[in-house]
Every structure is written in structure tokens, then in C-alpha cells.
Amino acid sequence: MRYLGCSYGYLIFSNLEQCILVDAYCGADVRPPKLKSSSNQEIYYGIIVAALNSPISHLLLFSRSSMFQWQVGTNSWLDHPFYDGQIIQILSFKGVVFAMDFIQRLHRISLAPQFSMQEVPVAWEEDIVVGIFCKPWLVVCGDMLLLVDLSIDIDELYGFPSTFKVFRLDFSVDPAKWVKVDNLGNCALFISVDRRNPTFSSTSPERWGGKSNCIYVASGSEESNEAWTMVELGQAVPSTMFSPIYIQKPSGHGNQLQNLWVLPSFVYGSGQ
């Protein structure tokens, strides 16, 4: 079965017909109805948009031409064709489902009373350049929607010197605007090389032995001896964190499951 993503503590897998949700902690599984669409073989990404015991919980699966929607507890799927480009990340922010596509456009997805996906107008400052060699990550941090970019300089003959840059989406202006963040304060961010994996943040990470103003990355490089790396915002990123193979696949959607962070379902919504 192909790995499609992870959310609310569940790993998401599928083959041509069957999708399976596996609890990463106890191994229990949930089996939605079988997929019958002829285009399901192109599915590359999946996400759960609310806890499975929530009445608004949906499982979304994406191919390059359709979104498949299953409302947890029902007996069928809905197939929504769309042509807005490859979706590389989905997350929920303040009750709204946002999607980012391959060219960094932000979309708002509505599931009820009927499906719709609309682009969110967003302004970029002239000196902001992201996603040249790899695509950025969206991360929810408290009441902020952040974009984490890995700025890579490949002019160096050996290694890939790089730094992280973080931007906050300012919704107070029209259109909304990405604003550079120089310090994360008492927060830490968690990302994975593979964008099918969840991103999240932690407040006061010193409580569990972590460090504020840092980005924790689940390593996707076979050259690294560590399963994860911590980088302080503004500091250089170790060249072993991201392999040249990863740079050649900027969407971060590979066939092989890499290291990932798993946040238990009961933590979601707790504010911790």
C-alpha cells in the first residue's frame, strides 16, 4: 500500500481500491468504503481535517485532477474534479481548511454544504523569493499561519548551505500579505522533509527539554546519523539534513516513507 499522509495520530495508506487509517500508537485501523473512481490510482496525498470522533471529520484524498471526500461514518465517497494545480499541503487554521499548491498559491476549501476551492489573494514583498529548489511548509502556530521556507544556495561546489526563513500571513490587510518573522519567541516548529506529513508548533518547549525559536526537522536524508535535527531560526542548516535527491523532488512527495513527527489525536485542540 502507498503512504499518503498522517494526521490526528493516524497513518493513511491506500492501494487502488482500499484506503486504511492506522493508529500510529496502538495499531488499530479504520477502513473507509472502497474507492470506485478510475483515477484513484493517481492519488498521492491524504489528510484528515478533524478528529475521527468529530461530526465534521472528513478524510480527503488528492490526485492531480480530483479530490476524494469521505465523511467519517458514511458509506460512500464524493469525487470533486478540479484543475487548480498539484496540492502539496493541507491544514486547518481557525476552523478553515487551507491548501497550498505547487506554485505556492493559497486556497480555501469548503466542504459543506457543497465542495468549493477558491484561491486566497496573497501579496508578496518584492524581496521575498521562496520555493526555488524546494517548496515551503505551512505551520499553524497559535493564532498565526506561518510559512517556513528553506533558502538554499547551490552555487557552492560542496554541500548545500541553507537557512530557514519564516513568514506570517497578515489577514488584517487586503489582500493578505506574507510578513517576515525574525524570532519565534517562546515557540518551536516541527516539520518533515515529506510534505505529506503533519506540521505543528509547541509553546514553551523548555517544559519537555526542547528549545524555543527553533525548527525541528524529521530527517529525510540517509546521510544523517540522526532521526531529527534542531535548527535555531537564522542559523545555518546542516548540509546533511537535506540530500541532493530531495532537492530534485521539490514537492516532497516521494514513494518511500521517511521519518516523521506524529502528534497524538488527543493533543489536537488542546493549545499545547
Foldseek 3Di string as FASTA:
>chain_A
DFFAFADQQWTWDDAQWWIWTARNPPGDIDTAATDDDPCSNQWQHKDWAAPLPDQATWIWIDGQFWIWIDRRPDRDIDIGGDHPAAWLAWYDAPNWIWTAHLVGWIWTWDPPPHTDIGTQDEDEDPPDDALPQAHWAWEDDPNWIKTKGWAWDPPDPDFIKTAIWMWTFAVPDVRIYTHTDQFQPQKEKEDELANSYDIYMDGNCVVVPDGGQKYKYQAQAPQDPDRIDIDHHPDIDDRRRDDPVSSNVRSRRDRDDGRHDGDHNVCPPVSD
